[in-house]
Structures are given as structure tokens and as C-alpha cells.
Amino acid sequence: MATKRKTASSAAPATAPAATAAAPVFEAPVESWADTILRTNFASVEQDSIVLLQAASTLLESDVPEKVNLALDQNLKLWIAIKTVLLNDDCPVEPEVKANLRNLAQYVVSTTMLATQGAIETRKLVSLARLNMNIAEGLLSGQRNRMIQERAYQIWQEEGCPEGREQEHWLRAEAEISGLFKV
């Protein structure tokens, strides 16, 4: 006979209804996408990109109205968190990019609000998912370019700061960083 693991629900008094005894075990909530963005202050490129890609995947995989509603709600919270972080002076995003992201956040809010007035078209879900994917790709691309720039500068310094070899240093740094991304 299998032994039952003691949980809060199995430790209920013997007079409790049978349905209470079958209650699921409490699990600590996983950090939401919005919580991740608020925690990282939109400064952790990898984490922020992963969150955006997860939201995109969830939108694309939503095949029944309940899943669509949940995906839209989570994505809306994510973009409200992004918009909130962009208002923070400590956010490292450049002002022009902040303005563009705020506009995109408004698009997400508007599109999501329209969906609450009726069924959302598949193309709108795809549009929201693509938006998330494009922002994630842009974040990663920007990070990659910063890494290349820093490495090219290191190479230039290591070689005694020679003039006229910027392109050579950039290409060498690009090859090194590209090798890191392939691993």
C-alpha cells in the first residue's frame, strides 16, 4: 500500500468533506513576467528577452477562449510593467527607445481592450506575439553590438591603439562574439 505524503490538505480533521482531502498541494507561485520586468528594471537583456519570448509563445499557443484570455491578460500585465519601468529614471533604456516602447505598450493595451469587447482575431494574437518577438530580438541584438564594441576597443588597446584599423578590430571582435553566441 502506498503511503500518502502529509500536506496541509491531508492533515485536515477527519470530519472534513472528502473533496477537501483531495485539494492540491500548495506550491509557491512562480514569478510572473511582469514581476520579472519590474525586478530587472528592463536592464537584464537575457531575462527580459526570455520573458517576451515566453509571452509570445503563450499567445501563439492559445487555442481555446480561456487560454486566449489568460495569455492576453498576462501579456497586458507584462506591457504595463514595461511601461511602468520606462517611467523610472534608473531605467537604462535610451530616451528614443523608451518613447517607442511606450507607444508599443499603448498598442498592446488598445488591442487587448478591444479583445475584451468580443472575440479577438487570430491575426491580432499573432501581431502581439510578433511584437514581443521583435522586441526580444532587438534587445539581444543591441546587447550583441555592445559586446562587439567593447571587445573591439579592448583589441585596439591591446595592439597599442593603432590608427586606421577600426574595421579590422570590429570584424575580429564580431567573429569572437559570434562564436560565443553559437555556443
N, C-alpha and C. Protein backbone atom coordinates (compact mmCIF):
# COMPACT_ATOMS: atom_id res chain seq x y z
N MET A 1 0.83 -1.18 0.00
CA MET A 1 0.00 0.00 0.00
C MET A 1 0.88 1.24 0.00
N ALA A 2 0.56 2.19 -0.86
CA ALA A 2 1.35 3.41 -0.96
C ALA A 2 1.07 4.32 0.22
N THR A 3 2.12 4.99 0.67
CA THR A 3 1.93 5.93 1.77
C THR A 3 1.62 7.31 1.21
N LYS A 4 0.72 7.97 1.88
CA LYS A 4 0.31 9.29 1.43
C LYS A 4 1.20 10.32 2.10
N ARG A 5 1.73 11.24 1.29
CA ARG A 5 2.56 12.31 1.81
C ARG A 5 1.69 13.30 2.56
N LYS A 6 2.16 13.74 3.72
CA LYS A 6 1.37 14.68 4.50
C LYS A 6 1.49 16.06 3.90
N THR A 7 0.34 16.65 3.62
CA THR A 7 0.26 18.03 3.12
C THR A 7 -0.74 18.76 3.98
N ALA A 8 -0.85 20.04 3.75
CA ALA A 8 -1.84 20.82 4.51
C ALA A 8 -3.23 20.28 4.28
N SER A 9 -3.51 19.81 3.08
CA SER A 9 -4.86 19.32 2.79
C SER A 9 -5.09 17.93 3.39
N SER A 10 -4.06 17.11 3.48
CA SER A 10 -4.27 15.77 4.03
C SER A 10 -4.25 15.80 5.55
N ALA A 11 -3.80 16.89 6.15
CA ALA A 11 -3.78 16.99 7.60
C ALA A 11 -5.08 17.57 8.14
N ALA A 12 -6.07 17.73 7.31
CA ALA A 12 -7.36 18.29 7.75
C ALA A 12 -8.03 17.32 8.72
N PRO A 13 -8.92 17.84 9.57
CA PRO A 13 -9.61 16.98 10.53
C PRO A 13 -10.40 15.88 9.82
N ALA A 14 -10.60 14.79 10.50
CA ALA A 14 -11.29 13.63 9.94
C ALA A 14 -12.73 13.95 9.54
N THR A 15 -13.32 15.00 10.10
CA THR A 15 -14.70 15.35 9.79
C THR A 15 -14.82 16.20 8.52
N ALA A 16 -13.69 16.57 7.92
CA ALA A 16 -13.73 17.40 6.71
C ALA A 16 -14.31 16.60 5.56
N PRO A 17 -15.01 17.26 4.65
CA PRO A 17 -15.56 16.56 3.49
C PRO A 17 -14.46 15.93 2.65
N ALA A 18 -14.81 14.91 1.91
CA ALA A 18 -13.84 14.19 1.08
C ALA A 18 -13.20 15.10 0.04
N ALA A 19 -13.92 16.08 -0.49
CA ALA A 19 -13.38 16.97 -1.52
C ALA A 19 -12.21 17.79 -0.97
N THR A 20 -12.24 18.14 0.31
CA THR A 20 -11.16 18.91 0.91
C THR A 20 -9.90 18.08 0.98
N ALA A 21 -10.03 16.81 1.26
CA ALA A 21 -8.86 15.95 1.37
C ALA A 21 -8.14 15.80 0.03
N ALA A 22 -8.82 16.01 -1.06
CA ALA A 22 -8.22 15.86 -2.38
C ALA A 22 -7.70 17.18 -2.93
N ALA A 23 -7.69 18.24 -2.13
CA ALA A 23 -7.22 19.55 -2.60
C ALA A 23 -5.76 19.46 -3.00
N PRO A 24 -5.35 20.22 -4.00
CA PRO A 24 -3.96 20.17 -4.45
C PRO A 24 -3.00 20.73 -3.41
N VAL A 25 -1.78 20.26 -3.48
CA VAL A 25 -0.74 20.72 -2.58
C VAL A 25 -0.38 22.15 -2.97
N PHE A 26 -0.20 23.02 -1.99
CA PHE A 26 0.16 24.41 -2.27
C PHE A 26 1.58 24.47 -2.82
N GLU A 27 1.73 25.19 -3.91
CA GLU A 27 3.06 25.44 -4.47
C GLU A 27 3.28 26.93 -4.51
N ALA A 28 4.49 27.35 -4.20
CA ALA A 28 4.80 28.77 -4.24
C ALA A 28 4.62 29.28 -5.67
N PRO A 29 4.02 30.46 -5.82
CA PRO A 29 3.79 30.99 -7.16
C PRO A 29 5.11 31.28 -7.86
N VAL A 30 5.13 31.03 -9.15
CA VAL A 30 6.30 31.33 -9.98
C VAL A 30 6.25 32.83 -10.27
N GLU A 31 7.41 33.43 -10.37
CA GLU A 31 7.46 34.86 -10.66
C GLU A 31 6.78 35.13 -12.00
N SER A 32 5.89 36.10 -12.03
CA SER A 32 5.19 36.44 -13.26
C SER A 32 6.13 37.20 -14.20
N TRP A 33 5.71 37.28 -15.46
CA TRP A 33 6.52 38.02 -16.44
C TRP A 33 6.63 39.47 -16.02
N ALA A 34 5.53 40.05 -15.56
CA ALA A 34 5.53 41.45 -15.13
C ALA A 34 6.48 41.63 -13.95
N ASP A 35 6.46 40.69 -13.00
CA ASP A 35 7.35 40.78 -11.84
C ASP A 35 8.81 40.75 -12.28
N THR A 36 9.12 39.92 -13.27
CA THR A 36 10.49 39.84 -13.76
C THR A 36 10.93 41.19 -14.32
N ILE A 37 10.10 41.79 -15.15
CA ILE A 37 10.43 43.09 -15.74
C ILE A 37 10.60 44.15 -14.66
N LEU A 38 9.71 44.15 -13.68
CA LEU A 38 9.81 45.13 -12.59
C LEU A 38 11.09 44.92 -11.79
N ARG A 39 11.48 43.66 -11.60
CA ARG A 39 12.70 43.34 -10.84
C ARG A 39 13.96 43.72 -11.62
N THR A 40 13.98 43.44 -12.92
CA THR A 40 15.18 43.70 -13.71
C THR A 40 15.30 45.15 -14.16
N ASN A 41 14.21 45.90 -14.05
CA ASN A 41 14.19 47.30 -14.49
C ASN A 41 14.52 47.41 -15.98
N PHE A 42 14.18 46.37 -16.72
CA PHE A 42 14.42 46.29 -18.16
C PHE A 42 15.91 46.48 -18.47
N ALA A 43 16.77 45.97 -17.56
CA ALA A 43 18.21 46.11 -17.73
C ALA A 43 18.91 44.77 -17.90
N SER A 44 18.19 43.67 -17.73
CA SER A 44 18.78 42.35 -17.90
C SER A 44 18.29 41.80 -19.24
N VAL A 45 19.07 42.04 -20.26
CA VAL A 45 18.66 41.74 -21.63
C VAL A 45 18.21 40.30 -21.79
N GLU A 46 18.97 39.37 -21.25
CA GLU A 46 18.64 37.96 -21.44
C GLU A 46 17.31 37.61 -20.78
N GLN A 47 17.14 38.02 -19.52
CA GLN A 47 15.90 37.71 -18.81
C GLN A 47 14.70 38.40 -19.45
N ASP A 48 14.87 39.65 -19.81
CA ASP A 48 13.78 40.40 -20.41
C ASP A 48 13.38 39.80 -21.76
N SER A 49 14.37 39.36 -22.52
CA SER A 49 14.09 38.72 -23.82
C SER A 49 13.35 37.40 -23.63
N ILE A 50 13.78 36.62 -22.66
CA ILE A 50 13.12 35.34 -22.39
C ILE A 50 11.66 35.56 -22.02
N VAL A 51 11.40 36.55 -21.18
CA VAL A 51 10.03 36.85 -20.76
C VAL A 51 9.18 37.22 -21.98
N LEU A 52 9.70 38.07 -22.84
CA LEU A 52 8.96 38.47 -24.04
C LEU A 52 8.70 37.28 -24.96
N LEU A 53 9.68 36.40 -25.08
CA LEU A 53 9.51 35.22 -25.93
C LEU A 53 8.51 34.24 -25.32
N GLN A 54 8.51 34.11 -24.00
CA GLN A 54 7.53 33.25 -23.34
C GLN A 54 6.11 33.79 -23.56
N ALA A 55 5.97 35.10 -23.45
CA ALA A 55 4.65 35.71 -23.68
C ALA A 55 4.21 35.50 -25.12
N ALA A 56 5.13 35.63 -26.08
CA ALA A 56 4.80 35.41 -27.48
C ALA A 56 4.36 33.97 -27.71
N SER A 57 5.10 33.05 -27.14
CA SER A 57 4.76 31.64 -27.28
C SER A 57 3.39 31.33 -26.71
N THR A 58 3.10 31.88 -25.56
CA THR A 58 1.80 31.65 -24.93
C THR A 58 0.66 32.20 -25.78
N LEU A 59 0.87 33.37 -26.36
CA LEU A 59 -0.16 33.94 -27.25
C LEU A 59 -0.39 33.05 -28.46
N LEU A 60 0.69 32.56 -29.05
CA LEU A 60 0.57 31.74 -30.26
C LEU A 60 -0.02 30.36 -29.98
N GLU A 61 0.20 29.84 -28.78
CA GLU A 61 -0.28 28.50 -28.43
C GLU A 61 -1.71 28.50 -27.89
N SER A 62 -2.28 29.66 -27.70
CA SER A 62 -3.64 29.75 -27.15
C SER A 62 -4.64 29.30 -28.20
N ASP A 63 -5.31 28.18 -27.90
CA ASP A 63 -6.21 27.59 -28.89
C ASP A 63 -7.67 27.53 -28.44
N VAL A 64 -7.93 27.91 -27.21
CA VAL A 64 -9.31 27.96 -26.72
C VAL A 64 -9.51 29.30 -26.03
N PRO A 65 -10.76 29.78 -25.97
CA PRO A 65 -11.01 31.12 -25.40
C PRO A 65 -10.41 31.34 -24.01
N GLU A 66 -10.44 30.34 -23.15
CA GLU A 66 -9.90 30.50 -21.80
C GLU A 66 -8.39 30.77 -21.85
N LYS A 67 -7.69 30.02 -22.70
CA LYS A 67 -6.25 30.21 -22.84
C LYS A 67 -5.94 31.56 -23.48
N VAL A 68 -6.75 31.96 -24.45
CA VAL A 68 -6.55 33.25 -25.10
C VAL A 68 -6.70 34.37 -24.07
N ASN A 69 -7.75 34.30 -23.26
CA ASN A 69 -7.97 35.32 -22.24
C ASN A 69 -6.82 35.39 -21.24
N LEU A 70 -6.34 34.23 -20.81
CA LEU A 70 -5.23 34.19 -19.86
C LEU A 70 -3.96 34.76 -20.50
N ALA A 71 -3.68 34.36 -21.73
CA ALA A 71 -2.49 34.85 -22.44
C ALA A 71 -2.56 36.36 -22.63
N LEU A 72 -3.72 36.86 -23.03
CA LEU A 72 -3.88 38.31 -23.22
C LEU A 72 -3.70 39.05 -21.90
N ASP A 73 -4.26 38.52 -20.84
CA ASP A 73 -4.15 39.15 -19.52
C ASP A 73 -2.69 39.20 -19.07
N GLN A 74 -1.98 38.09 -19.20
CA GLN A 74 -0.57 38.05 -18.80
C GLN A 74 0.28 38.99 -19.66
N ASN A 75 -0.01 39.01 -20.96
CA ASN A 75 0.74 39.88 -21.86
C ASN A 75 0.46 41.35 -21.54
N LEU A 76 -0.79 41.66 -21.23
CA LEU A 76 -1.15 43.03 -20.86
C LEU A 76 -0.39 43.45 -19.60
N LYS A 77 -0.36 42.59 -18.60
CA LYS A 77 0.37 42.90 -17.36
C LYS A 77 1.86 43.10 -17.64
N LEU A 78 2.40 42.27 -18.53
CA LEU A 78 3.81 42.40 -18.92
C LEU A 78 4.08 43.79 -19.50
N TRP A 79 3.23 44.22 -20.43
CA TRP A 79 3.45 45.51 -21.09
C TRP A 79 3.16 46.68 -20.16
N ILE A 80 2.26 46.52 -19.23
CA ILE A 80 2.05 47.59 -18.24
C ILE A 80 3.30 47.70 -17.36
N ALA A 81 3.90 46.56 -17.02
CA ALA A 81 5.15 46.58 -16.25
C ALA A 81 6.27 47.24 -17.04
N ILE A 82 6.35 46.94 -18.34
CA ILE A 82 7.37 47.57 -19.19
C ILE A 82 7.16 49.08 -19.20
N LYS A 83 5.92 49.50 -19.39
CA LYS A 83 5.61 50.93 -19.43
C LYS A 83 5.96 51.59 -18.09
N THR A 84 5.67 50.91 -16.99
CA THR A 84 5.99 51.43 -15.66
C THR A 84 7.49 51.59 -15.49
N VAL A 85 8.25 50.59 -15.88
CA VAL A 85 9.71 50.63 -15.75
C VAL A 85 10.30 51.75 -16.61
N LEU A 86 9.73 51.97 -17.77
CA LEU A 86 10.24 53.01 -18.67
C LEU A 86 10.09 54.40 -18.08
N LEU A 87 9.16 54.57 -17.16
CA LEU A 87 8.96 55.86 -16.50
C LEU A 87 10.01 56.11 -15.41
N ASN A 88 10.71 55.05 -15.01
CA ASN A 88 11.72 55.12 -13.97
C ASN A 88 13.00 55.75 -14.52
N ASP A 89 13.53 56.74 -13.82
CA ASP A 89 14.76 57.41 -14.27
C ASP A 89 15.96 56.47 -14.27
N ASP A 90 15.91 55.41 -13.46
CA ASP A 90 17.02 54.46 -13.38
C ASP A 90 17.02 53.47 -14.54
N CYS A 91 15.98 53.45 -15.33
CA CYS A 91 15.90 52.53 -16.46
C CYS A 91 16.98 52.89 -17.48
N PRO A 92 17.82 51.93 -17.88
CA PRO A 92 18.95 52.22 -18.75
C PRO A 92 18.60 52.39 -20.24
N VAL A 93 17.34 52.28 -20.60
CA VAL A 93 16.93 52.38 -22.00
C VAL A 93 17.04 53.82 -22.47
N GLU A 94 17.54 54.00 -23.70
CA GLU A 94 17.71 55.33 -24.28
C GLU A 94 16.36 56.02 -24.46
N PRO A 95 16.32 57.34 -24.33
CA PRO A 95 15.05 58.08 -24.40
C PRO A 95 14.22 57.81 -25.65
N GLU A 96 14.85 57.74 -26.81
CA GLU A 96 14.10 57.48 -28.04
C GLU A 96 13.48 56.09 -28.03
N VAL A 97 14.22 55.12 -27.52
CA VAL A 97 13.72 53.75 -27.42
C VAL A 97 12.59 53.69 -26.40
N LYS A 98 12.75 54.42 -25.29
CA LYS A 98 11.69 54.48 -24.28
C LYS A 98 10.39 54.97 -24.90
N ALA A 99 10.48 56.03 -25.69
CA ALA A 99 9.28 56.59 -26.33
C ALA A 99 8.63 55.57 -27.26
N ASN A 100 9.44 54.87 -28.04
CA ASN A 100 8.91 53.85 -28.95
C ASN A 100 8.26 52.71 -28.18
N LEU A 101 8.89 52.27 -27.11
CA LEU A 101 8.33 51.18 -26.31
C LEU A 101 7.04 51.61 -25.61
N ARG A 102 6.98 52.87 -25.18
CA ARG A 102 5.73 53.36 -24.58
C ARG A 102 4.60 53.34 -25.62
N ASN A 103 4.90 53.72 -26.86
CA ASN A 103 3.89 53.66 -27.93
C ASN A 103 3.45 52.23 -28.19
N LEU A 104 4.40 51.30 -28.19
CA LEU A 104 4.06 49.90 -28.38
C LEU A 104 3.21 49.38 -27.22
N ALA A 105 3.53 49.82 -26.03
CA ALA A 105 2.73 49.43 -24.86
C ALA A 105 1.29 49.91 -25.02
N GLN A 106 1.13 51.11 -25.54
CA GLN A 106 -0.22 51.64 -25.75
C GLN A 106 -0.96 50.80 -26.80
N TYR A 107 -0.24 50.37 -27.83
CA TYR A 107 -0.85 49.50 -28.84
C TYR A 107 -1.31 48.18 -28.21
N VAL A 108 -0.48 47.60 -27.37
CA VAL A 108 -0.84 46.35 -26.69
C VAL A 108 -2.08 46.55 -25.83
N VAL A 109 -2.11 47.64 -25.09
CA VAL A 109 -3.27 47.93 -24.23
C VAL A 109 -4.53 48.09 -25.08
N SER A 110 -4.44 48.87 -26.14
CA SER A 110 -5.61 49.11 -27.01
C SER A 110 -6.10 47.82 -27.65
N THR A 111 -5.18 47.04 -28.17
CA THR A 111 -5.54 45.78 -28.83
C THR A 111 -6.17 44.81 -27.83
N THR A 112 -5.62 44.76 -26.63
CA THR A 112 -6.15 43.86 -25.61
C THR A 112 -7.54 44.32 -25.16
N MET A 113 -7.72 45.62 -25.02
CA MET A 113 -9.02 46.13 -24.60
C MET A 113 -10.08 45.84 -25.67
N LEU A 114 -9.73 45.95 -26.93
CA LEU A 114 -10.67 45.61 -28.00
C LEU A 114 -11.06 44.14 -27.92
N ALA A 115 -10.12 43.31 -27.51
CA ALA A 115 -10.40 41.87 -27.42
C ALA A 115 -11.42 41.57 -26.33
N THR A 116 -11.49 42.42 -25.30
CA THR A 116 -12.45 42.17 -24.23
C THR A 116 -13.88 42.47 -24.67
N GLN A 117 -14.02 43.16 -25.80
CA GLN A 117 -15.34 43.51 -26.31
C GLN A 117 -15.89 42.43 -27.24
N GLY A 118 -15.16 41.38 -27.41
CA GLY A 118 -15.61 40.29 -28.28
C GLY A 118 -14.44 39.37 -28.57
N ALA A 119 -14.64 38.51 -29.52
CA ALA A 119 -13.59 37.55 -29.89
C ALA A 119 -12.45 38.29 -30.58
N ILE A 120 -11.23 37.93 -30.22
CA ILE A 120 -10.07 38.54 -30.87
C ILE A 120 -9.71 37.72 -32.09
N GLU A 121 -9.35 38.41 -33.13
CA GLU A 121 -8.95 37.73 -34.37
C GLU A 121 -7.57 37.10 -34.18
N THR A 122 -7.37 35.97 -34.84
CA THR A 122 -6.09 35.28 -34.75
C THR A 122 -4.96 36.19 -35.19
N ARG A 123 -5.20 37.00 -36.21
CA ARG A 123 -4.13 37.87 -36.72
C ARG A 123 -3.68 38.89 -35.66
N LYS A 124 -4.60 39.28 -34.77
CA LYS A 124 -4.23 40.21 -33.70
C LYS A 124 -3.35 39.51 -32.66
N LEU A 125 -3.67 38.26 -32.35
CA LEU A 125 -2.83 37.49 -31.43
C LEU A 125 -1.43 37.33 -32.01
N VAL A 126 -1.39 37.01 -33.30
CA VAL A 126 -0.11 36.85 -33.98
C VAL A 126 0.65 38.18 -33.98
N SER A 127 -0.06 39.27 -34.18
CA SER A 127 0.56 40.60 -34.17
C SER A 127 1.19 40.89 -32.80
N LEU A 128 0.46 40.61 -31.75
CA LEU A 128 1.00 40.82 -30.40
C LEU A 128 2.22 39.92 -30.14
N ALA A 129 2.13 38.68 -30.58
CA ALA A 129 3.24 37.74 -30.40
C ALA A 129 4.47 38.20 -31.18
N ARG A 130 4.27 38.63 -32.42
CA ARG A 130 5.40 39.12 -33.24
C ARG A 130 6.04 40.36 -32.63
N LEU A 131 5.20 41.21 -32.08
CA LEU A 131 5.72 42.40 -31.41
C LEU A 131 6.68 41.99 -30.29
N ASN A 132 6.25 41.04 -29.46
CA ASN A 132 7.10 40.55 -28.38
C ASN A 132 8.39 39.94 -28.91
N MET A 133 8.27 39.14 -29.97
CA MET A 133 9.46 38.50 -30.54
C MET A 133 10.43 39.53 -31.11
N ASN A 134 9.90 40.55 -31.78
CA ASN A 134 10.76 41.58 -32.37
C ASN A 134 11.48 42.40 -31.30
N ILE A 135 10.79 42.70 -30.22
CA ILE A 135 11.43 43.45 -29.13
C ILE A 135 12.52 42.59 -28.49
N ALA A 136 12.24 41.32 -28.27
CA ALA A 136 13.25 40.41 -27.70
C ALA A 136 14.48 40.34 -28.61
N GLU A 137 14.23 40.21 -29.91
CA GLU A 137 15.34 40.15 -30.87
C GLU A 137 16.14 41.45 -30.86
N GLY A 138 15.46 42.57 -30.77
CA GLY A 138 16.14 43.86 -30.73
C GLY A 138 16.99 44.02 -29.48
N LEU A 139 16.46 43.56 -28.35
CA LEU A 139 17.24 43.62 -27.11
C LEU A 139 18.52 42.81 -27.23
N LEU A 140 18.39 41.59 -27.76
CA LEU A 140 19.55 40.72 -27.89
C LEU A 140 20.55 41.27 -28.90
N SER A 141 20.05 41.83 -29.98
CA SER A 141 20.92 42.41 -31.00
C SER A 141 21.70 43.60 -30.43
N GLY A 142 21.02 44.44 -29.67
CA GLY A 142 21.68 45.58 -29.05
C GLY A 142 22.76 45.13 -28.08
N GLN A 143 22.46 44.08 -27.32
CA GLN A 143 23.44 43.53 -26.38
C GLN A 143 24.65 42.99 -27.13
N ARG A 144 24.41 42.30 -28.21
CA ARG A 144 25.49 41.74 -29.03
C ARG A 144 26.37 42.85 -29.58
N ASN A 145 25.76 43.92 -30.09
CA ASN A 145 26.53 45.03 -30.64
C ASN A 145 27.37 45.73 -29.57
N ARG A 146 26.82 45.87 -28.36
CA ARG A 146 27.59 46.47 -27.26
C ARG A 146 28.79 45.59 -26.91
N MET A 147 28.58 44.27 -26.91
CA MET A 147 29.68 43.36 -26.61
C MET A 147 30.77 43.44 -27.68
N ILE A 148 30.38 43.53 -28.93
CA ILE A 148 31.34 43.65 -30.03
C ILE A 148 32.12 44.96 -29.90
N GLN A 149 31.41 46.04 -29.62
CA GLN A 149 32.06 47.34 -29.48
C GLN A 149 33.09 47.31 -28.35
N GLU A 150 32.71 46.73 -27.21
CA GLU A 150 33.64 46.65 -26.08
C GLU A 150 34.85 45.80 -26.41
N ARG A 151 34.63 44.68 -27.10
CA ARG A 151 35.75 43.79 -27.44
C ARG A 151 36.66 44.45 -28.48
N ALA A 152 36.08 45.14 -29.46
CA ALA A 152 36.89 45.84 -30.47
C ALA A 152 37.78 46.89 -29.80
N TYR A 153 37.23 47.57 -28.83
CA TYR A 153 38.00 48.58 -28.09
C TYR A 153 39.14 47.92 -27.31
N GLN A 154 38.88 46.76 -26.71
CA GLN A 154 39.93 46.03 -25.99
C GLN A 154 41.04 45.61 -26.95
N ILE A 155 40.65 45.10 -28.12
CA ILE A 155 41.65 44.68 -29.11
C ILE A 155 42.51 45.88 -29.52
N TRP A 156 41.86 47.00 -29.78
CA TRP A 156 42.56 48.22 -30.18
C TRP A 156 43.57 48.63 -29.11
N GLN A 157 43.16 48.56 -27.83
CA GLN A 157 44.06 48.90 -26.73
C GLN A 157 45.21 47.90 -26.63
N GLU A 158 44.88 46.60 -26.76
CA GLU A 158 45.91 45.56 -26.67
C GLU A 158 46.97 45.72 -27.75
N GLU A 159 46.59 46.25 -28.90
CA GLU A 159 47.53 46.42 -30.01
C GLU A 159 48.21 47.78 -30.00
N GLY A 160 48.06 48.54 -28.92
CA GLY A 160 48.75 49.81 -28.79
C GLY A 160 48.02 50.99 -29.41
N CYS A 161 46.75 50.90 -29.60
CA CYS A 161 45.90 51.99 -30.12
C CYS A 161 46.31 52.46 -31.51
N PRO A 162 46.50 51.53 -32.47
CA PRO A 162 46.90 51.94 -33.82
C PRO A 162 45.76 52.66 -34.55
N GLU A 163 46.12 53.58 -35.42
CA GLU A 163 45.14 54.32 -36.21
C GLU A 163 44.80 53.56 -37.49
N GLY A 164 43.57 53.71 -37.95
CA GLY A 164 43.16 53.17 -39.25
C GLY A 164 42.84 51.69 -39.29
N ARG A 165 42.72 51.03 -38.16
CA ARG A 165 42.44 49.59 -38.16
C ARG A 165 41.11 49.27 -37.47
N GLU A 166 40.22 50.26 -37.41
CA GLU A 166 38.95 50.09 -36.72
C GLU A 166 38.13 48.93 -37.28
N GLN A 167 38.07 48.87 -38.61
CA GLN A 167 37.27 47.82 -39.24
C GLN A 167 37.84 46.44 -38.94
N GLU A 168 39.14 46.31 -39.00
CA GLU A 168 39.79 45.04 -38.68
C GLU A 168 39.48 44.61 -37.24
N HIS A 169 39.55 45.56 -36.31
CA HIS A 169 39.27 45.26 -34.90
C HIS A 169 37.80 44.89 -34.72
N TRP A 170 36.93 45.60 -35.42
CA TRP A 170 35.50 45.32 -35.31
C TRP A 170 35.20 43.91 -35.82
N LEU A 171 35.74 43.57 -36.98
CA LEU A 171 35.47 42.25 -37.57
C LEU A 171 36.02 41.13 -36.70
N ARG A 172 37.18 41.34 -36.13
CA ARG A 172 37.77 40.33 -35.24
C ARG A 172 36.90 40.16 -33.99
N ALA A 173 36.46 41.28 -33.41
CA ALA A 173 35.60 41.23 -32.23
C ALA A 173 34.27 40.58 -32.58
N GLU A 174 33.73 40.90 -33.74
CA GLU A 174 32.46 40.32 -34.18
C GLU A 174 32.57 38.80 -34.32
N ALA A 175 33.69 38.33 -34.87
CA ALA A 175 33.89 36.89 -35.01
C ALA A 175 33.97 36.21 -33.64
N GLU A 176 34.67 36.85 -32.69
CA GLU A 176 34.79 36.28 -31.35
C GLU A 176 33.42 36.22 -30.65
N ILE A 177 32.69 37.30 -30.72
CA ILE A 177 31.38 37.36 -30.04
C ILE A 177 30.40 36.41 -30.72
N SER A 178 30.43 36.34 -32.04
CA SER A 178 29.55 35.41 -32.74
C SER A 178 29.83 33.97 -32.32
N GLY A 179 31.10 33.67 -32.09
CA GLY A 179 31.47 32.34 -31.59
C GLY A 179 30.88 32.06 -30.21
N LEU A 180 30.82 33.09 -29.38
CA LEU A 180 30.22 32.94 -28.05
C LEU A 180 28.72 32.66 -28.14
N PHE A 181 28.05 33.33 -29.10
CA PHE A 181 26.61 33.16 -29.24
C PHE A 181 26.25 31.79 -29.82
N LYS A 182 27.17 31.19 -30.57
CA LYS A 182 26.90 29.87 -31.16
C LYS A 182 27.01 28.77 -30.12
N VAL A 183 27.78 29.00 -29.07
CA VAL A 183 27.96 28.01 -28.01
C VAL A 183 26.77 27.98 -27.17
